[in-house]
Amino acid sequence: MDLTVDDAKRAARALRDQIPDAHLTHSRALEIVAAQLGFRDWNVASAVLPTRGGIGAPIPVVRSLDEARAREFYIDYLHFTIEWEHRFDGELPLYMRLRRDRFVLDLSEHHGDGTPGSTVWVPVTDVVALQRELLATGYPRMNPGIEADAPGGPTMEVIDPFSNTIRFCQTSP
């Protein structure tokens, strides 16, 4: 399992921040996150989830230039969820962390973070199913095909509104 106790605690803080009117205690938010992860309660989750140690998995940072188009592409089309968002002030650039399954990606509007035109390679278990799912969204700016004989396995590329390429590759067992 890739999630850690620290990840679950961050999710509980995000839950409290995103629903301030609910007046959730941190303890109750931890219980909710534990239930969402399939554990009986927080005590079980904290005993089973690993603690952070050593070097973690890298998280690519790609450049975003327009918040509305980024949300339309990454959330509405690719079905990512927002783990958290940050701005130093209301009018300053947005930095946000997105997740879909085990794929974690940071989008940044900050100058110097990422370079438009970057590429991220992502392993998937069924690229044809993913293609069908994306085509069913009706997103008008993308009609991804699959390159069956790509190095590494069948690959589907999507290009975000900022010229960043995401290559979804079905690796052979």
C-alpha atoms as a PDB file:
ATOM      1  CA  MET A   1       0.000   0.000   0.000  1.00  0.00           C
ATOM      2  CA  ASP A   2       1.434   3.381  -0.981  1.00  0.00           C
ATOM      3  CA  LEU A   3      -0.553   5.524   1.446  1.00  0.00           C
ATOM      4  CA  THR A   4       1.072   6.311   4.769  1.00  0.00           C
ATOM      5  CA  VAL A   5      -0.212   7.448   8.146  1.00  0.00           C
ATOM      6  CA  ASP A   6       0.995  10.955   7.246  1.00  0.00           C
ATOM      7  CA  ASP A   7      -1.027  10.844   4.006  1.00  0.00           C
ATOM      8  CA  ALA A   8      -4.156   9.866   5.929  1.00  0.00           C
ATOM      9  CA  LYS A   9      -3.583  12.679   8.431  1.00  0.00           C
ATOM     10  CA  ARG A  10      -3.176  15.150   5.556  1.00  0.00           C
ATOM     11  CA  ALA A  11      -6.427  13.880   4.046  1.00  0.00           C
ATOM     12  CA  ALA A  12      -8.195  14.454   7.370  1.00  0.00           C
ATOM     13  CA  ARG A  13      -6.862  18.027   7.530  1.00  0.00           C
ATOM     14  CA  ALA A  14      -7.983  18.611   3.927  1.00  0.00           C
ATOM     15  CA  LEU A  15     -11.444  17.281   4.764  1.00  0.00           C
ATOM     16  CA  ARG A  16     -11.747  19.707   7.671  1.00  0.00           C
ATOM     17  CA  ASP A  17     -10.479  22.604   5.541  1.00  0.00           C
ATOM     18  CA  GLN A  18     -12.850  21.833   2.662  1.00  0.00           C
ATOM     19  CA  ILE A  19     -15.951  21.565   4.855  1.00  0.00           C
ATOM     20  CA  PRO A  20     -15.460  24.250   7.517  1.00  0.00           C
ATOM     21  CA  ASP A  21     -19.206  24.549   8.202  1.00  0.00           C
ATOM     22  CA  ALA A  22     -19.325  20.902   9.349  1.00  0.00           C
ATOM     23  CA  HIS A  23     -17.298  21.748  12.463  1.00  0.00           C
ATOM     24  CA  LEU A  24     -15.421  18.448  12.251  1.00  0.00           C
ATOM     25  CA  THR A  25     -12.941  17.682  14.973  1.00  0.00           C
ATOM     26  CA  HIS A  26      -9.613  16.313  13.807  1.00  0.00           C
ATOM     27  CA  SER A  27     -10.468  13.034  15.522  1.00  0.00           C
ATOM     28  CA  ARG A  28     -13.759  12.705  13.615  1.00  0.00           C
ATOM     29  CA  ALA A  29     -12.023  13.594  10.329  1.00  0.00           C
ATOM     30  CA  LEU A  30      -9.458  10.831  10.987  1.00  0.00           C
ATOM     31  CA  GLU A  31     -12.293   8.348  11.565  1.00  0.00           C
ATOM     32  CA  ILE A  32     -13.952   9.387   8.291  1.00  0.00           C
ATOM     33  CA  VAL A  33     -10.693   9.011   6.346  1.00  0.00           C
ATOM     34  CA  ALA A  34     -10.079   5.599   7.929  1.00  0.00           C
ATOM     35  CA  ALA A  35     -13.564   4.478   6.843  1.00  0.00           C
ATOM     36  CA  GLN A  36     -12.972   5.803   3.309  1.00  0.00           C
ATOM     37  CA  LEU A  37      -9.789   3.718   3.159  1.00  0.00           C
ATOM     38  CA  GLY A  38     -11.714   0.624   4.216  1.00  0.00           C
ATOM     39  CA  PHE A  39     -10.555   0.373   7.832  1.00  0.00           C
ATOM     40  CA  ARG A  40     -12.820  -0.248  10.816  1.00  0.00           C
ATOM     41  CA  ASP A  41     -11.543   2.871  12.610  1.00  0.00           C
ATOM     42  CA  TRP A  42      -8.543   5.199  12.929  1.00  0.00           C
ATOM     43  CA  ASN A  43      -6.758   2.911  15.402  1.00  0.00           C
ATOM     44  CA  VAL A  44      -6.728   0.078  12.878  1.00  0.00           C
ATOM     45  CA  ALA A  45      -5.729   2.381  10.032  1.00  0.00           C
ATOM     46  CA  SER A  46      -2.819   3.874  11.968  1.00  0.00           C
ATOM     47  CA  ALA A  47      -1.632   0.396  12.928  1.00  0.00           C
ATOM     48  CA  VAL A  48      -1.788  -0.958   9.362  1.00  0.00           C
ATOM     49  CA  LEU A  49      -0.664   2.019   7.289  1.00  0.00           C
ATOM     50  CA  PRO A  50       3.102   2.385   7.025  1.00  0.00           C
ATOM     51  CA  THR A  51       4.887   5.356   8.485  1.00  0.00           C
ATOM     52  CA  ARG A  52       6.931   7.542   6.237  1.00  0.00           C
ATOM     53  CA  GLY A  53      10.549   6.587   6.031  1.00  0.00           C
ATOM     54  CA  GLY A  54      13.299   6.821   3.479  1.00  0.00           C
ATOM     55  CA  ILE A  55      12.715   8.307   0.066  1.00  0.00           C
ATOM     56  CA  GLY A  56       9.185   8.481  -1.250  1.00  0.00           C
ATOM     57  CA  ALA A  57       7.858   8.229  -4.784  1.00  0.00           C
ATOM     58  CA  PRO A  58       8.540  11.280  -6.944  1.00  0.00           C
ATOM     59  CA  ILE A  59       5.693  13.647  -7.770  1.00  0.00           C
ATOM     60  CA  PRO A  60       6.026  15.411 -11.111  1.00  0.00           C
ATOM     61  CA  VAL A  61       5.340  19.151 -11.201  1.00  0.00           C
ATOM     62  CA  VAL A  62       3.918  20.427 -14.479  1.00  0.00           C
ATOM     63  CA  ARG A  63       3.179  23.986 -15.439  1.00  0.00           C
ATOM     64  CA  SER A  64      -0.386  25.245 -15.580  1.00  0.00           C
ATOM     65  CA  LEU A  65      -1.229  28.602 -17.111  1.00  0.00           C
ATOM     66  CA  ASP A  66      -5.007  28.808 -16.657  1.00  0.00           C
ATOM     67  CA  GLU A  67      -6.869  27.455 -13.636  1.00  0.00           C
ATOM     68  CA  ALA A  68     -10.218  26.946 -15.380  1.00  0.00           C
ATOM     69  CA  ARG A  69      -8.693  25.005 -18.283  1.00  0.00           C
ATOM     70  CA  ALA A  70      -6.554  22.952 -15.884  1.00  0.00           C
ATOM     71  CA  ARG A  71      -9.633  21.954 -13.869  1.00  0.00           C
ATOM     72  CA  GLU A  72     -11.590  21.131 -17.020  1.00  0.00           C
ATOM     73  CA  PHE A  73      -8.785  18.897 -18.311  1.00  0.00           C
ATOM     74  CA  TYR A  74      -7.480  17.213 -15.155  1.00  0.00           C
ATOM     75  CA  ILE A  75     -10.658  16.955 -13.085  1.00  0.00           C
ATOM     76  CA  ASP A  76     -13.509  16.794 -15.610  1.00  0.00           C
ATOM     77  CA  TYR A  77     -11.688  14.880 -18.367  1.00  0.00           C
ATOM     78  CA  LEU A  78      -8.995  12.787 -16.646  1.00  0.00           C
ATOM     79  CA  HIS A  79     -11.030  12.357 -13.420  1.00  0.00           C
ATOM     80  CA  PHE A  80      -8.324  13.396 -10.967  1.00  0.00           C
ATOM     81  CA  THR A  81      -9.336  14.520  -7.505  1.00  0.00           C
ATOM     82  CA  ILE A  82      -7.804  17.483  -5.733  1.00  0.00           C
ATOM     83  CA  GLU A  83      -5.774  16.510  -2.677  1.00  0.00           C
ATOM     84  CA  TRP A  84      -5.070  20.120  -1.781  1.00  0.00           C
ATOM     85  CA  GLU A  85      -4.669  23.602  -3.226  1.00  0.00           C
ATOM     86  CA  HIS A  86      -2.492  26.507  -2.148  1.00  0.00           C
ATOM     87  CA  ARG A  87      -2.209  30.216  -2.927  1.00  0.00           C
ATOM     88  CA  PHE A  88      -0.156  32.659  -0.919  1.00  0.00           C
ATOM     89  CA  ASP A  89      -2.933  35.190  -1.526  1.00  0.00           C
ATOM     90  CA  GLY A  90      -6.218  35.252  -3.452  1.00  0.00           C
ATOM     91  CA  GLU A  91      -4.767  36.685  -6.657  1.00  0.00           C
ATOM     92  CA  LEU A  92      -1.429  34.865  -6.618  1.00  0.00           C
ATOM     93  CA  PRO A  93      -0.631  31.711  -8.639  1.00  0.00           C
ATOM     94  CA  LEU A  94      -2.295  28.422  -7.758  1.00  0.00           C
ATOM     95  CA  TYR A  95      -0.366  25.293  -6.771  1.00  0.00           C
ATOM     96  CA  MET A  96      -2.418  22.137  -6.408  1.00  0.00           C
ATOM     97  CA  ARG A  97      -1.883  18.421  -5.903  1.00  0.00           C
ATOM     98  CA  LEU A  98      -4.028  16.005  -7.876  1.00  0.00           C
ATOM     99  CA  ARG A  99      -4.489  12.257  -7.568  1.00  0.00           C
ATOM    100  CA  ARG A 100      -6.044   9.490  -9.575  1.00  0.00           C
ATOM    101  CA  ASP A 101      -5.440   6.073  -8.095  1.00  0.00           C
ATOM    102  CA  ARG A 102      -1.664   5.954  -7.500  1.00  0.00           C
ATOM    103  CA  PHE A 103      -0.870   8.726 -10.014  1.00  0.00           C
ATOM    104  CA  VAL A 104      -0.056  11.905  -8.094  1.00  0.00           C
ATOM    105  CA  LEU A 105       0.666  15.118  -9.974  1.00  0.00           C
ATOM    106  CA  ASP A 106       1.323  18.706  -8.927  1.00  0.00           C
ATOM    107  CA  LEU A 107       0.113  21.572 -11.125  1.00  0.00           C
ATOM    108  CA  SER A 108       1.744  24.935 -10.637  1.00  0.00           C
ATOM    109  CA  GLU A 109       1.047  28.377 -12.034  1.00  0.00           C
ATOM    110  CA  HIS A 110       4.299  29.645 -10.492  1.00  0.00           C
ATOM    111  CA  HIS A 111       6.923  30.874 -12.951  1.00  0.00           C
ATOM    112  CA  GLY A 112       9.854  28.475 -12.867  1.00  0.00           C
ATOM    113  CA  ASP A 113       7.843  25.452 -11.724  1.00  0.00           C
ATOM    114  CA  GLY A 114       7.797  22.925 -14.509  1.00  0.00           C
ATOM    115  CA  THR A 115       8.220  23.719 -18.170  1.00  0.00           C
ATOM    116  CA  PRO A 116       5.292  23.695 -20.577  1.00  0.00           C
ATOM    117  CA  GLY A 117       5.893  20.844 -22.990  1.00  0.00           C
ATOM    118  CA  SER A 118       7.066  18.348 -20.362  1.00  0.00           C
ATOM    119  CA  THR A 119       6.195  14.643 -20.529  1.00  0.00           C
ATOM    120  CA  VAL A 120       5.074  12.323 -17.746  1.00  0.00           C
ATOM    121  CA  TRP A 121       5.088   8.541 -18.320  1.00  0.00           C
ATOM    122  CA  VAL A 122       2.403   6.625 -16.386  1.00  0.00           C
ATOM    123  CA  PRO A 123       1.972   2.839 -16.199  1.00  0.00           C
ATOM    124  CA  VAL A 124      -1.623   1.576 -16.489  1.00  0.00           C
ATOM    125  CA  THR A 125      -3.156  -1.879 -16.308  1.00  0.00           C
ATOM    126  CA  ASP A 126      -5.626  -1.470 -19.214  1.00  0.00           C
ATOM    127  CA  VAL A 127      -4.975   1.334 -21.678  1.00  0.00           C
ATOM    128  CA  VAL A 128      -7.969   0.372 -23.860  1.00  0.00           C
ATOM    129  CA  ALA A 129     -10.375   0.707 -20.914  1.00  0.00           C
ATOM    130  CA  LEU A 130      -8.838   4.072 -20.035  1.00  0.00           C
ATOM    131  CA  GLN A 131      -9.213   5.236 -23.640  1.00  0.00           C
ATOM    132  CA  ARG A 132     -12.909   4.220 -23.642  1.00  0.00           C
ATOM    133  CA  GLU A 133     -13.470   6.075 -20.376  1.00  0.00           C
ATOM    134  CA  LEU A 134     -11.848   9.259 -21.695  1.00  0.00           C
ATOM    135  CA  LEU A 135     -13.699   9.140 -25.012  1.00  0.00           C
ATOM    136  CA  ALA A 136     -16.989   8.777 -23.118  1.00  0.00           C
ATOM    137  CA  THR A 137     -16.449  12.114 -21.342  1.00  0.00           C
ATOM    138  CA  GLY A 138     -17.149  13.995 -24.573  1.00  0.00           C
ATOM    139  CA  TYR A 139     -14.190  16.306 -23.962  1.00  0.00           C
ATOM    140  CA  PRO A 140     -14.045  18.223 -27.263  1.00  0.00           C
ATOM    141  CA  ARG A 141     -10.318  18.974 -27.369  1.00  0.00           C
ATOM    142  CA  MET A 142      -8.959  15.430 -27.212  1.00  0.00           C
ATOM    143  CA  ASN A 143      -9.449  12.217 -29.161  1.00  0.00           C
ATOM    144  CA  PRO A 144      -6.613   9.991 -27.943  1.00  0.00           C
ATOM    145  CA  GLY A 145      -5.512   6.983 -29.955  1.00  0.00           C
ATOM    146  CA  ILE A 146      -3.392   4.044 -28.865  1.00  0.00           C
ATOM    147  CA  GLU A 147      -0.027   3.221 -30.359  1.00  0.00           C
ATOM    148  CA  ALA A 148       0.008  -0.573 -30.078  1.00  0.00           C
ATOM    149  CA  ASP A 149       3.700  -1.128 -30.810  1.00  0.00           C
ATOM    150  CA  ALA A 150       5.134   1.687 -28.662  1.00  0.00           C
ATOM    151  CA  PRO A 151       8.302   0.942 -26.673  1.00  0.00           C
ATOM    152  CA  GLY A 152       7.243  -0.457 -23.317  1.00  0.00           C
ATOM    153  CA  GLY A 153       3.778  -1.531 -24.458  1.00  0.00           C
ATOM    154  CA  PRO A 154       0.572  -0.088 -25.904  1.00  0.00           C
ATOM    155  CA  THR A 155       0.573   3.647 -25.181  1.00  0.00           C
ATOM    156  CA  MET A 156      -2.001   6.427 -25.256  1.00  0.00           C
ATOM    157  CA  GLU A 157      -0.933  10.060 -25.120  1.00  0.00           C
ATOM    158  CA  VAL A 158      -2.994  13.023 -23.973  1.00  0.00           C
ATOM    159  CA  ILE A 159      -1.770  16.599 -24.154  1.00  0.00           C
ATOM    160  CA  ASP A 160      -2.993  19.091 -21.589  1.00  0.00           C
ATOM    161  CA  PRO A 161      -3.905  22.696 -22.460  1.00  0.00           C
ATOM    162  CA  PHE A 162      -0.328  23.770 -21.583  1.00  0.00           C
ATOM    163  CA  SER A 163       1.418  21.354 -23.996  1.00  0.00           C
ATOM    164  CA  ASN A 164       2.349  18.846 -21.283  1.00  0.00           C
ATOM    165  CA  THR A 165       2.099  15.250 -22.486  1.00  0.00           C
ATOM    166  CA  ILE A 166       0.915  12.380 -20.324  1.00  0.00           C
ATOM    167  CA  ARG A 167       1.774   8.965 -21.739  1.00  0.00           C
ATOM    168  CA  PHE A 168      -0.338   6.156 -20.340  1.00  0.00           C
ATOM    169  CA  CYS A 169       1.502   2.913 -21.064  1.00  0.00           C
ATOM    170  CA  GLN A 170       0.185  -0.604 -20.532  1.00  0.00           C
ATOM    171  CA  THR A 171       3.298  -2.499 -19.586  1.00  0.00           C
ATOM    172  CA  SER A 172       3.596  -6.176 -20.320  1.00  0.00           C
ATOM    173  CA  PRO A 173       3.507  -8.551 -17.339  1.00  0.00           C
END
